[in-house]
PDB file of N, CA and C in Angstrom:
ATOM      1  N   MET A   1      90.343-103.951 113.061  1.00  0.00           N
ATOM      2  CA  MET A   1      89.727-103.288 114.225  1.00  0.00           C
ATOM      3  C   MET A   1      89.341-101.858 113.882  1.00  0.00           C
ATOM      4  N   ALA A   2      88.202-101.305 114.530  1.00  0.00           N
ATOM      5  CA  ALA A   2      87.540-100.105 114.192  1.00  0.00           C
ATOM      6  C   ALA A   2      87.472 -99.270 115.467  1.00  0.00           C
ATOM      7  N   ASN A   3      87.518 -97.994 115.414  1.00  0.00           N
ATOM      8  CA  ASN A   3      87.287 -97.143 116.706  1.00  0.00           C
ATOM      9  C   ASN A   3      85.721 -97.136 116.885  1.00  0.00           C
ATOM     10  N   ASP A   4      85.428 -96.258 117.833  1.00  0.00           N
ATOM     11  CA  ASP A   4      83.924 -96.037 118.100  1.00  0.00           C
ATOM     12  C   ASP A   4      83.180 -95.450 117.004  1.00  0.00           C
ATOM     13  N   PHE A   5      83.838 -94.758 115.959  1.00  0.00           N
ATOM     14  CA  PHE A   5      83.157 -94.220 114.834  1.00  0.00           C
ATOM     15  C   PHE A   5      83.238 -95.016 113.666  1.00  0.00           C
ATOM     16  N   GLY A   6      83.617 -96.368 113.800  1.00  0.00           N
ATOM     17  CA  GLY A   6      83.702 -97.198 112.732  1.00  0.00           C
ATOM     18  C   GLY A   6      84.921 -97.027 111.710  1.00  0.00           C
ATOM     19  N   VAL A   7      85.795 -96.131 112.196  1.00  0.00           N
ATOM     20  CA  VAL A   7      86.924 -95.966 111.256  1.00  0.00           C
ATOM     21  C   VAL A   7      88.046 -96.873 111.670  1.00  0.00           C
ATOM     22  N   PRO A   8      88.687 -97.666 110.652  1.00  0.00           N
ATOM     23  CA  PRO A   8      89.712 -98.577 110.998  1.00  0.00           C
ATOM     24  C   PRO A   8      90.766 -97.825 111.659  1.00  0.00           C
ATOM     25  N   ILE A   9      91.320 -98.379 112.672  1.00  0.00           N
ATOM     26  CA  ILE A   9      92.405 -97.749 113.469  1.00  0.00           C
ATOM     27  C   ILE A   9      93.628 -97.341 112.636  1.00  0.00           C
ATOM     28  N   ASP A  10      93.963 -98.186 111.715  1.00  0.00           N
ATOM     29  CA  ASP A  10      95.181 -97.905 110.870  1.00  0.00           C
ATOM     30  C   ASP A  10      94.867 -96.704 109.930  1.00  0.00           C
ATOM     31  N   GLU A  11      93.635 -96.322 109.785  1.00  0.00           N
ATOM     32  CA  GLU A  11      93.420 -95.191 108.851  1.00  0.00           C
ATOM     33  C   GLU A  11      93.191 -93.934 109.660  1.00  0.00           C
ATOM     34  N   ARG A  12      93.576 -93.884 111.002  1.00  0.00           N
ATOM     35  CA  ARG A  12      93.378 -92.625 111.679  1.00  0.00           C
ATOM     36  C   ARG A  12      94.473 -91.722 111.164  1.00  0.00           C
ATOM     37  N   ARG A  13      94.045 -90.456 110.878  1.00  0.00           N
ATOM     38  CA  ARG A  13      95.007 -89.531 110.323  1.00  0.00           C
ATOM     39  C   ARG A  13      95.129 -88.245 111.278  1.00  0.00           C
ATOM     40  N   THR A  14      94.394 -88.221 112.324  1.00  0.00           N
ATOM     41  CA  THR A  14      94.456 -87.065 113.237  1.00  0.00           C
ATOM     42  C   THR A  14      94.428 -87.473 114.683  1.00  0.00           C
ATOM     43  N   ALA A  15      95.294 -87.023 115.526  1.00  0.00           N
ATOM     44  CA  ALA A  15      95.299 -87.216 116.966  1.00  0.00           C
ATOM     45  C   ALA A  15      94.305 -86.070 117.379  1.00  0.00           C
ATOM     46  N   TRP A  16      93.540 -86.306 118.583  1.00  0.00           N
ATOM     47  CA  TRP A  16      92.668 -85.481 119.089  1.00  0.00           C
ATOM     48  C   TRP A  16      92.806 -85.323 120.604  1.00  0.00           C
ATOM     49  N   ILE A  17      92.702 -84.059 121.081  1.00  0.00           N
ATOM     50  CA  ILE A  17      92.647 -83.824 122.535  1.00  0.00           C
ATOM     51  C   ILE A  17      91.321 -83.164 122.795  1.00  0.00           C
ATOM     52  N   GLY A  18      90.498 -83.768 123.526  1.00  0.00           N
ATOM     53  CA  GLY A  18      89.142 -83.471 123.728  1.00  0.00           C
ATOM     54  C   GLY A  18      89.027 -82.475 124.758  1.00  0.00           C
ATOM     55  N   ARG A  19      87.675 -81.842 124.833  1.00  0.00           N
ATOM     56  CA  ARG A  19      87.389 -80.768 125.632  1.00  0.00           C
ATOM     57  C   ARG A  19      87.594 -80.861 127.131  1.00  0.00           C
ATOM     58  N   SER A  20      87.473 -82.166 127.580  1.00  0.00           N
ATOM     59  CA  SER A  20      87.501 -82.395 129.066  1.00  0.00           C
ATOM     60  C   SER A  20      89.069 -82.490 129.548  1.00  0.00           C
ATOM     61  N   LEU A  21      89.995 -82.664 128.505  1.00  0.00           N
ATOM     62  CA  LEU A  21      91.394 -82.741 128.959  1.00  0.00           C
ATOM     63  C   LEU A  21      92.154 -81.495 129.284  1.00  0.00           C
ATOM     64  N   LEU A  22      92.925 -81.638 130.189  1.00  0.00           N
ATOM     65  CA  LEU A  22      93.966 -80.495 130.598  1.00  0.00           C
ATOM     66  C   LEU A  22      95.364 -81.285 130.482  1.00  0.00           C
ATOM     67  N   ILE A  23      96.190 -80.715 129.711  1.00  0.00           N
ATOM     68  CA  ILE A  23      97.462 -81.336 129.472  1.00  0.00           C
ATOM     69  C   ILE A  23      98.534 -80.235 129.813  1.00  0.00           C
ATOM     70  N   GLU A  24      99.514 -80.536 130.705  1.00  0.00           N
ATOM     71  CA  GLU A  24     100.569 -79.593 131.065  1.00  0.00           C
ATOM     72  C   GLU A  24     101.945 -80.370 130.620  1.00  0.00           C
ATOM     73  N   GLY A  25     102.792 -79.721 129.731  1.00  0.00           N
ATOM     74  CA  GLY A  25     103.941 -80.281 129.318  1.00  0.00           C
ATOM     75  C   GLY A  25     104.239 -80.083 127.852  1.00  0.00           C
ATOM     76  N   ARG A  26     104.979 -80.813 127.362  1.00  0.00           N
ATOM     77  CA  ARG A  26     105.444 -80.849 125.841  1.00  0.00           C
ATOM     78  C   ARG A  26     104.752 -81.873 125.119  1.00  0.00           C
ATOM     79  N   ILE A  27     104.063 -81.528 124.020  1.00  0.00           N
ATOM     80  CA  ILE A  27     103.395 -82.463 123.198  1.00  0.00           C
ATOM     81  C   ILE A  27     104.135 -82.513 121.887  1.00  0.00           C
ATOM     82  N   VAL A  28     104.511 -83.691 121.370  1.00  0.00           N
ATOM     83  CA  VAL A  28     105.143 -83.776 120.086  1.00  0.00           C
ATOM     84  C   VAL A  28     104.365 -84.904 119.247  1.00  0.00           C
ATOM     85  N   SER A  29     103.928 -84.524 118.244  1.00  0.00           N
ATOM     86  CA  SER A  29     103.116 -85.472 117.414  1.00  0.00           C
ATOM     87  C   SER A  29     103.704 -85.738 115.992  1.00  0.00           C
ATOM     88  N   GLN A  30     103.651 -87.003 115.514  1.00  0.00           N
ATOM     89  CA  GLN A  30     104.118 -87.339 114.190  1.00  0.00           C
ATOM     90  C   GLN A  30     102.852 -87.356 113.272  1.00  0.00           C
ATOM     91  N   GLU A  31     101.722 -86.791 113.611  1.00  0.00           N
ATOM     92  CA  GLU A  31     100.565 -86.900 112.798  1.00  0.00           C
ATOM     93  C   GLU A  31      99.723 -85.458 113.040  1.00  0.00           C
ATOM     94  N   ASN A  32      98.719 -85.353 112.280  1.00  0.00           N
ATOM     95  CA  ASN A  32      98.038 -84.110 112.445  1.00  0.00           C
ATOM     96  C   ASN A  32      97.375 -84.158 113.864  1.00  0.00           C
ATOM     97  N   LEU A  33      97.088 -82.895 114.431  1.00  0.00           N
ATOM     98  CA  LEU A  33      96.625 -82.902 115.798  1.00  0.00           C
ATOM     99  C   LEU A  33      95.519 -81.874 115.949  1.00  0.00           C
ATOM    100  N   THR A  34      94.433 -82.293 116.510  1.00  0.00           N
ATOM    101  CA  THR A  34      93.364 -81.254 116.835  1.00  0.00           C
ATOM    102  C   THR A  34      93.126 -81.185 118.316  1.00  0.00           C
ATOM    103  N   ILE A  35      93.097 -79.956 118.807  1.00  0.00           N
ATOM    104  CA  ILE A  35      92.952 -79.663 120.193  1.00  0.00           C
ATOM    105  C   ILE A  35      91.687 -78.995 120.481  1.00  0.00           C
ATOM    106  N   ASP A  36      90.836 -79.567 121.404  1.00  0.00           N
ATOM    107  CA  ASP A  36      89.689 -78.878 121.934  1.00  0.00           C
ATOM    108  C   ASP A  36      89.652 -78.602 123.389  1.00  0.00           C
ATOM    109  N   GLY A  37      90.779 -79.057 123.949  1.00  0.00           N
ATOM    110  CA  GLY A  37      90.853 -78.893 125.473  1.00  0.00           C
ATOM    111  C   GLY A  37      91.897 -77.895 125.926  1.00  0.00           C
ATOM    112  N   GLN A  38      92.460 -78.040 127.005  1.00  0.00           N
ATOM    113  CA  GLN A  38      93.366 -76.990 127.613  1.00  0.00           C
ATOM    114  C   GLN A  38      94.790 -77.580 127.653  1.00  0.00           C
ATOM    115  N   ILE A  39      95.716 -76.747 127.117  1.00  0.00           N
ATOM    116  CA  ILE A  39      97.130 -77.177 127.078  1.00  0.00           C
ATOM    117  C   ILE A  39      97.942 -76.060 127.563  1.00  0.00           C
ATOM    118  N   GLU A  40      99.050 -76.544 128.431  1.00  0.00           N
ATOM    119  CA  GLU A  40      99.919 -75.517 128.974  1.00  0.00           C
ATOM    120  C   GLU A  40     101.383 -76.207 128.653  1.00  0.00           C
ATOM    121  N   GLY A  41     102.203 -75.595 127.894  1.00  0.00           N
ATOM    122  CA  GLY A  41     103.447 -76.153 127.664  1.00  0.00           C
ATOM    123  C   GLY A  41     104.025 -75.777 126.200  1.00  0.00           C
ATOM    124  N   SER A  42     104.181 -76.774 125.377  1.00  0.00           N
ATOM    125  CA  SER A  42     104.631 -76.557 124.018  1.00  0.00           C
ATOM    126  C   SER A  42     104.027 -77.755 123.101  1.00  0.00           C
ATOM    127  N   ILE A  43     103.611 -77.328 121.850  1.00  0.00           N
ATOM    128  CA  ILE A  43     103.169 -78.345 120.962  1.00  0.00           C
ATOM    129  C   ILE A  43     103.994 -78.208 119.659  1.00  0.00           C
ATOM    130  N   GLU A  44     104.524 -79.461 119.254  1.00  0.00           N
ATOM    131  CA  GLU A  44     105.161 -79.516 117.961  1.00  0.00           C
ATOM    132  C   GLU A  44     104.556 -80.513 117.258  1.00  0.00           C
ATOM    133  N   VAL A  45     104.016 -80.295 115.957  1.00  0.00           N
ATOM    134  CA  VAL A  45     103.692 -81.371 114.991  1.00  0.00           C
ATOM    135  C   VAL A  45     104.546 -81.360 113.740  1.00  0.00           C
ATOM    136  N   GLY A  46     105.639 -80.794 113.772  1.00  0.00           N
ATOM    137  CA  GLY A  46     106.617 -80.941 112.585  1.00  0.00           C
ATOM    138  C   GLY A  46     105.954 -80.561 111.317  1.00  0.00           C
ATOM    139  N   ASP A  47     105.969 -81.576 110.293  1.00  0.00           N
ATOM    140  CA  ASP A  47     105.452 -81.365 108.978  1.00  0.00           C
ATOM    141  C   ASP A  47     104.050 -81.815 108.875  1.00  0.00           C
ATOM    142  N   HIS A  48     103.195 -81.611 109.968  1.00  0.00           N
ATOM    143  CA  HIS A  48     101.885 -81.949 109.925  1.00  0.00           C
ATOM    144  C   HIS A  48     100.912 -80.686 110.326  1.00  0.00           C
ATOM    145  N   ASN A  49      99.747 -80.902 110.393  1.00  0.00           N
ATOM    146  CA  ASN A  49      98.739 -79.774 110.582  1.00  0.00           C
ATOM    147  C   ASN A  49      98.349 -79.747 112.089  1.00  0.00           C
ATOM    148  N   LEU A  50      98.195 -78.688 112.582  1.00  0.00           N
ATOM    149  CA  LEU A  50      97.700 -78.447 113.916  1.00  0.00           C
ATOM    150  C   LEU A  50      96.365 -77.506 113.929  1.00  0.00           C
ATOM    151  N   VAL A  51      95.298 -77.989 114.594  1.00  0.00           N
ATOM    152  CA  VAL A  51      94.061 -77.295 114.621  1.00  0.00           C
ATOM    153  C   VAL A  51      93.756 -76.961 116.175  1.00  0.00           C
ATOM    154  N   VAL A  52      93.567 -75.667 116.536  1.00  0.00           N
ATOM    155  CA  VAL A  52      93.168 -75.251 117.817  1.00  0.00           C
ATOM    156  C   VAL A  52      91.662 -74.930 117.708  1.00  0.00           C
ATOM    157  N   GLY A  53      90.888 -75.817 118.230  1.00  0.00           N
ATOM    158  CA  GLY A  53      89.347 -75.635 118.195  1.00  0.00           C
ATOM    159  C   GLY A  53      88.852 -74.426 118.894  1.00  0.00           C
ATOM    160  N   ALA A  54      87.637 -74.082 118.648  1.00  0.00           N
ATOM    161  CA  ALA A  54      86.961 -72.940 119.208  1.00  0.00           C
ATOM    162  C   ALA A  54      86.902 -72.960 120.666  1.00  0.00           C
ATOM    163  N   SER A  55      86.740 -74.245 121.263  1.00  0.00           N
ATOM    164  CA  SER A  55      86.653 -74.460 122.775  1.00  0.00           C
ATOM    165  C   SER A  55      88.027 -74.557 123.427  1.00  0.00           C
ATOM    166  N   ALA A  56      89.169 -74.529 122.720  1.00  0.00           N
ATOM    167  CA  ALA A  56      90.427 -74.721 123.248  1.00  0.00           C
ATOM    168  C   ALA A  56      90.969 -73.502 123.897  1.00  0.00           C
ATOM    169  N   THR A  57      91.696 -73.635 124.926  1.00  0.00           N
ATOM    170  CA  THR A  57      92.532 -72.670 125.544  1.00  0.00           C
ATOM    171  C   THR A  57      93.993 -73.147 125.714  1.00  0.00           C
ATOM    172  N   VAL A  58      94.835 -72.554 124.890  1.00  0.00           N
ATOM    173  CA  VAL A  58      96.244 -73.036 124.888  1.00  0.00           C
ATOM    174  C   VAL A  58      97.216 -72.017 125.316  1.00  0.00           C
ATOM    175  N   LYS A  59      98.075 -72.410 126.296  1.00  0.00           N
ATOM    176  CA  LYS A  59      99.214 -71.571 126.678  1.00  0.00           C
ATOM    177  C   LYS A  59     100.319 -72.167 126.327  1.00  0.00           C
ATOM    178  N   ALA A  60     100.794 -72.058 125.089  1.00  0.00           N
ATOM    179  CA  ALA A  60     101.963 -72.954 124.526  1.00  0.00           C
ATOM    180  C   ALA A  60     102.493 -72.222 123.264  1.00  0.00           C
ATOM    181  N   ASP A  61     103.736 -72.567 122.970  1.00  0.00           N
ATOM    182  CA  ASP A  61     104.285 -72.186 121.606  1.00  0.00           C
ATOM    183  C   ASP A  61     103.831 -73.315 120.797  1.00  0.00           C
ATOM    184  N   LEU A  62     103.461 -72.975 119.450  1.00  0.00           N
ATOM    185  CA  LEU A  62     102.939 -73.927 118.472  1.00  0.00           C
ATOM    186  C   LEU A  62     103.846 -73.999 117.261  1.00  0.00           C
ATOM    187  N   ILE A  63     104.149 -75.086 116.843  1.00  0.00           N
ATOM    188  CA  ILE A  63     104.972 -75.387 115.695  1.00  0.00           C
ATOM    189  C   ILE A  63     104.388 -76.384 114.809  1.00  0.00           C
ATOM    190  N   GLY A  64     104.209 -76.042 113.597  1.00  0.00           N
ATOM    191  CA  GLY A  64     103.611 -77.055 112.651  1.00  0.00           C
ATOM    192  C   GLY A  64     103.646 -76.555 111.133  1.00  0.00           C
ATOM    193  N   LYS A  65     103.153 -77.448 110.364  1.00  0.00           N
ATOM    194  CA  LYS A  65     103.217 -77.039 108.805  1.00  0.00           C
ATOM    195  C   LYS A  65     102.129 -76.038 108.607  1.00  0.00           C
ATOM    196  N   THR A  66     100.827 -76.358 108.984  1.00  0.00           N
ATOM    197  CA  THR A  66      99.747 -75.371 108.837  1.00  0.00           C
ATOM    198  C   THR A  66      99.165 -75.383 110.138  1.00  0.00           C
ATOM    199  N   VAL A  67      98.931 -74.170 110.790  1.00  0.00           N
ATOM    200  CA  VAL A  67      98.342 -74.017 112.077  1.00  0.00           C
ATOM    201  C   VAL A  67      96.997 -73.242 112.038  1.00  0.00           C
ATOM    202  N   THR A  68      95.985 -73.709 112.288  1.00  0.00           N
ATOM    203  CA  THR A  68      94.584 -73.181 112.207  1.00  0.00           C
ATOM    204  C   THR A  68      94.106 -73.019 113.605  1.00  0.00           C
ATOM    205  N   VAL A  69      93.697 -71.637 113.928  1.00  0.00           N
ATOM    206  CA  VAL A  69      93.256 -71.330 115.195  1.00  0.00           C
ATOM    207  C   VAL A  69      91.761 -70.754 115.281  1.00  0.00           C
ATOM    208  N   SER A  70      91.049 -71.420 116.099  1.00  0.00           N
ATOM    209  CA  SER A  70      89.663 -70.872 116.233  1.00  0.00           C
ATOM    210  C   SER A  70      89.415 -70.398 117.766  1.00  0.00           C
ATOM    211  N   GLY A  71      90.219 -70.921 118.612  1.00  0.00           N
ATOM    212  CA  GLY A  71      90.179 -70.690 119.929  1.00  0.00           C
ATOM    213  C   GLY A  71      91.150 -69.703 120.504  1.00  0.00           C
ATOM    214  N   ALA A  72      91.713 -69.775 121.756  1.00  0.00           N
ATOM    215  CA  ALA A  72      92.503 -68.849 122.330  1.00  0.00           C
ATOM    216  C   ALA A  72      93.906 -69.374 122.530  1.00  0.00           C
ATOM    217  N   VAL A  73      94.972 -68.593 121.998  1.00  0.00           N
ATOM    218  CA  VAL A  73      96.223 -69.117 122.113  1.00  0.00           C
ATOM    219  C   VAL A  73      97.032 -68.064 122.746  1.00  0.00           C
ATOM    220  N   THR A  74      97.817 -68.325 123.745  1.00  0.00           N
ATOM    221  CA  THR A  74      98.814 -67.476 124.446  1.00  0.00           C
ATOM    222  C   THR A  74     100.168 -68.152 124.214  1.00  0.00           C
ATOM    223  N   GLY A  75     101.031 -67.553 123.330  1.00  0.00           N
ATOM    224  CA  GLY A  75     102.214 -68.224 122.868  1.00  0.00           C
ATOM    225  C   GLY A  75     102.517 -67.803 121.509  1.00  0.00           C
ATOM    226  N   ASN A  76     103.815 -68.209 121.018  1.00  0.00           N
ATOM    227  CA  ASN A  76     104.187 -67.910 119.686  1.00  0.00           C
ATOM    228  C   ASN A  76     103.682 -69.010 118.822  1.00  0.00           C
ATOM    229  N   VAL A  77     103.340 -68.623 117.513  1.00  0.00           N
ATOM    230  CA  VAL A  77     102.908 -69.559 116.537  1.00  0.00           C
ATOM    231  C   VAL A  77     103.911 -69.559 115.407  1.00  0.00           C
ATOM    232  N   THR A  78     104.333 -70.790 115.014  1.00  0.00           N
ATOM    233  CA  THR A  78     105.259 -70.669 113.885  1.00  0.00           C
ATOM    234  C   THR A  78     104.803 -71.906 112.879  1.00  0.00           C
ATOM    235  N   ALA A  79     104.674 -71.492 111.635  1.00  0.00           N
ATOM    236  CA  ALA A  79     104.159 -72.456 110.747  1.00  0.00           C
ATOM    237  C   ALA A  79     104.969 -72.410 109.495  1.00  0.00           C
ATOM    238  N   SER A  80     105.420 -73.494 109.017  1.00  0.00           N
ATOM    239  CA  SER A  80     106.181 -73.578 107.747  1.00  0.00           C
ATOM    240  C   SER A  80     105.498 -73.284 106.445  1.00  0.00           C
ATOM    241  N   GLU A  81     104.108 -73.477 106.415  1.00  0.00           N
ATOM    242  CA  GLU A  81     103.444 -73.279 105.352  1.00  0.00           C
ATOM    243  C   GLU A  81     102.359 -72.028 105.450  1.00  0.00           C
ATOM    244  N   LYS A  82     101.538 -72.136 106.523  1.00  0.00           N
ATOM    245  CA  LYS A  82     100.601 -71.034 106.670  1.00  0.00           C
ATOM    246  C   LYS A  82      99.872 -71.047 108.031  1.00  0.00           C
ATOM    247  N   VAL A  83      99.466 -69.931 108.576  1.00  0.00           N
ATOM    248  CA  VAL A  83      98.649 -69.862 109.658  1.00  0.00           C
ATOM    249  C   VAL A  83      97.262 -69.278 109.377  1.00  0.00           C
ATOM    250  N   VAL A  84      96.228 -69.941 109.728  1.00  0.00           N
ATOM    251  CA  VAL A  84      94.858 -69.542 109.517  1.00  0.00           C
ATOM    252  C   VAL A  84      94.100 -69.192 110.913  1.00  0.00           C
ATOM    253  N   LEU A  85      93.682 -68.000 110.837  1.00  0.00           N
ATOM    254  CA  LEU A  85      92.986 -67.488 112.025  1.00  0.00           C
ATOM    255  C   LEU A  85      91.536 -67.415 111.714  1.00  0.00           C
ATOM    256  N   GLN A  86      90.655 -68.121 112.326  1.00  0.00           N
ATOM    257  CA  GLN A  86      89.255 -68.083 112.149  1.00  0.00           C
ATOM    258  C   GLN A  86      88.675 -66.814 112.998  1.00  0.00           C
ATOM    259  N   PRO A  87      87.372 -66.565 112.677  1.00  0.00           N
ATOM    260  CA  PRO A  87      86.861 -65.252 113.259  1.00  0.00           C
ATOM    261  C   PRO A  87      86.788 -65.394 114.798  1.00  0.00           C
ATOM    262  N   SER A  88      86.821 -66.507 115.377  1.00  0.00           N
ATOM    263  CA  SER A  88      86.754 -66.548 116.879  1.00  0.00           C
ATOM    264  C   SER A  88      88.187 -66.697 117.560  1.00  0.00           C
ATOM    265  N   ALA A  89      89.204 -66.548 116.761  1.00  0.00           N
ATOM    266  CA  ALA A  89      90.585 -66.795 117.158  1.00  0.00           C
ATOM    267  C   ALA A  89      91.124 -65.588 117.897  1.00  0.00           C
ATOM    268  N   THR A  90      91.945 -65.804 118.935  1.00  0.00           N
ATOM    269  CA  THR A  90      92.700 -64.946 119.646  1.00  0.00           C
ATOM    270  C   THR A  90      94.108 -65.428 119.758  1.00  0.00           C
ATOM    271  N   VAL A  91      95.122 -64.549 119.442  1.00  0.00           N
ATOM    272  CA  VAL A  91      96.429 -65.115 119.708  1.00  0.00           C
ATOM    273  C   VAL A  91      97.156 -63.918 120.348  1.00  0.00           C
ATOM    274  N   GLU A  92      97.794 -64.196 121.519  1.00  0.00           N
ATOM    275  CA  GLU A  92      98.645 -63.252 122.177  1.00  0.00           C
ATOM    276  C   GLU A  92      99.994 -63.877 122.186  1.00  0.00           C
ATOM    277  N   GLY A  93     100.784 -63.376 121.186  1.00  0.00           N
ATOM    278  CA  GLY A  93     102.223 -63.821 120.880  1.00  0.00           C
ATOM    279  C   GLY A  93     102.494 -63.537 119.424  1.00  0.00           C
ATOM    280  N   ASP A  94     103.704 -63.871 119.160  1.00  0.00           N
ATOM    281  CA  ASP A  94     104.173 -63.657 117.799  1.00  0.00           C
ATOM    282  C   ASP A  94     103.837 -64.683 116.846  1.00  0.00           C
ATOM    283  N   ILE A  95     103.615 -64.314 115.756  1.00  0.00           N
ATOM    284  CA  ILE A  95     103.282 -65.230 114.451  1.00  0.00           C
ATOM    285  C   ILE A  95     104.395 -65.170 113.442  1.00  0.00           C
ATOM    286  N   THR A  96     104.883 -66.412 113.186  1.00  0.00           N
ATOM    287  CA  THR A  96     105.867 -66.379 112.032  1.00  0.00           C
ATOM    288  C   THR A  96     105.452 -67.482 110.978  1.00  0.00           C
ATOM    289  N   THR A  97     105.336 -67.005 109.727  1.00  0.00           N
ATOM    290  CA  THR A  97     104.753 -68.026 108.755  1.00  0.00           C
ATOM    291  C   THR A  97     104.949 -67.266 107.372  1.00  0.00           C
ATOM    292  N   PRO A  98     105.080 -68.142 106.315  1.00  0.00           N
ATOM    293  CA  PRO A  98     105.167 -67.440 104.986  1.00  0.00           C
ATOM    294  C   PRO A  98     103.811 -66.865 104.432  1.00  0.00           C
ATOM    295  N   ARG A  99     102.695 -67.502 105.031  1.00  0.00           N
ATOM    296  CA  ARG A  99     101.315 -67.059 104.663  1.00  0.00           C
ATOM    297  C   ARG A  99     100.459 -67.027 105.805  1.00  0.00           C
ATOM    298  N   LEU A 100      99.729 -65.834 105.922  1.00  0.00           N
ATOM    299  CA  LEU A 100      98.691 -65.498 107.032  1.00  0.00           C
ATOM    300  C   LEU A 100      97.366 -65.351 106.421  1.00  0.00           C
ATOM    301  N   MET A 101      96.345 -66.125 106.930  1.00  0.00           N
ATOM    302  CA  MET A 101      95.073 -65.893 106.566  1.00  0.00           C
ATOM    303  C   MET A 101      94.280 -65.533 107.773  1.00  0.00           C
ATOM    304  N   MET A 102      93.663 -64.351 107.846  1.00  0.00           N
ATOM    305  CA  MET A 102      93.134 -63.869 109.018  1.00  0.00           C
ATOM    306  C   MET A 102      91.849 -63.423 108.775  1.00  0.00           C
ATOM    307  N   ALA A 103      90.722 -64.013 109.369  1.00  0.00           N
ATOM    308  CA  ALA A 103      89.230 -63.698 109.113  1.00  0.00           C
ATOM    309  C   ALA A 103      88.985 -62.424 109.913  1.00  0.00           C
ATOM    310  N   ASP A 104      88.050 -61.733 109.463  1.00  0.00           N
ATOM    311  CA  ASP A 104      87.446 -60.629 110.254  1.00  0.00           C
ATOM    312  C   ASP A 104      86.851 -61.124 111.576  1.00  0.00           C
ATOM    313  N   GLY A 105      87.256 -60.487 112.619  1.00  0.00           N
ATOM    314  CA  GLY A 105      86.998 -60.921 113.989  1.00  0.00           C
ATOM    315  C   GLY A 105      88.108 -61.338 114.812  1.00  0.00           C
ATOM    316  N   ALA A 106      89.070 -62.003 114.051  1.00  0.00           N
ATOM    317  CA  ALA A 106      90.166 -62.676 114.827  1.00  0.00           C
ATOM    318  C   ALA A 106      90.974 -61.454 115.340  1.00  0.00           C
ATOM    319  N   THR A 107      91.815 -61.733 116.423  1.00  0.00           N
ATOM    320  CA  THR A 107      92.616 -60.815 117.110  1.00  0.00           C
ATOM    321  C   THR A 107      94.014 -61.301 117.300  1.00  0.00           C
ATOM    322  N   VAL A 108      94.991 -60.453 117.127  1.00  0.00           N
ATOM    323  CA  VAL A 108      96.400 -60.807 117.376  1.00  0.00           C
ATOM    324  C   VAL A 108      97.043 -59.742 118.171  1.00  0.00           C
ATOM    325  N   ARG A 109      97.560 -60.139 119.258  1.00  0.00           N
ATOM    326  CA  ARG A 109      98.422 -59.073 120.084  1.00  0.00           C
ATOM    327  C   ARG A 109      99.869 -59.692 120.023  1.00  0.00           C
ATOM    328  N   GLY A 110     100.578 -59.098 119.230  1.00  0.00           N
ATOM    329  CA  GLY A 110     102.031 -59.546 118.961  1.00  0.00           C
ATOM    330  C   GLY A 110     102.489 -59.157 117.646  1.00  0.00           C
ATOM    331  N   LYS A 111     103.752 -59.517 117.353  1.00  0.00           N
ATOM    332  CA  LYS A 111     104.447 -59.263 115.936  1.00  0.00           C
ATOM    333  C   LYS A 111     103.977 -60.328 115.085  1.00  0.00           C
ATOM    334  N   VAL A 112     103.788 -59.910 113.797  1.00  0.00           N
ATOM    335  CA  VAL A 112     103.401 -60.898 112.780  1.00  0.00           C
ATOM    336  C   VAL A 112     104.637 -60.848 111.611  1.00  0.00           C
ATOM    337  N   ASP A 113     105.221 -61.832 111.295  1.00  0.00           N
ATOM    338  CA  ASP A 113     106.245 -62.044 110.111  1.00  0.00           C
ATOM    339  C   ASP A 113     105.700 -62.994 109.192  1.00  0.00           C
ATOM    340  N   ALA A 114     105.031 -62.434 108.219  1.00  0.00           N
ATOM    341  CA  ALA A 114     104.395 -63.280 107.103  1.00  0.00           C
ATOM    342  C   ALA A 114     104.961 -62.667 105.827  1.00  0.00           C
ATOM    343  N   ARG A 115     106.209 -62.987 105.547  1.00  0.00           N
ATOM    344  CA  ARG A 115     106.978 -62.256 104.388  1.00  0.00           C
ATOM    345  C   ARG A 115     106.679 -63.152 103.117  1.00  0.00           C
ATOM    346  N   GLY A 116     106.003 -64.205 103.119  1.00  0.00           N
ATOM    347  CA  GLY A 116     105.715 -64.950 101.923  1.00  0.00           C
ATOM    348  C   GLY A 116     106.998 -65.699 101.518  1.00  0.00           C
ATOM    349  N   GLY A 117     106.971 -66.790 100.694  1.00  0.00           N
ATOM    350  CA  GLY A 117     108.143 -67.451 100.219  1.00  0.00           C
ATOM    351  C   GLY A 117     108.726 -68.109 101.462  1.00  0.00           C
ATOM    352  N   ARG A 118     109.930 -68.835 101.175  1.00  0.00           N
ATOM    353  CA  ARG A 118     110.601 -69.645 102.165  1.00  0.00           C
ATOM    354  C   ARG A 118     112.047 -69.208 102.206  1.00  0.00           C
TER     355      ARG A 118
END
């Protein structure tokens, strides 16, 4: 069986929260997660990747392996591998990660702990 894009459902590798969705509460995912909508609560993807798209507005603490932000995040960001802030990213909260990649134009209002290593 395939989804609307012709990809077999068993091969789906990323969950997606679309632009028109508003979710309030705790999200826990056992796979990669992309957010383009609005979230209020907390998001945990464990040893997986989390992407906050440019159209996303997130008021939540984020926990994942790699967290990539292009949109707006209000909350703490914790990544076991790295945090990537794209030029359109805004983070109001603390960032804790071994590696931080921050593009020109991205903004952070909070403390950053990017000591490298584990």
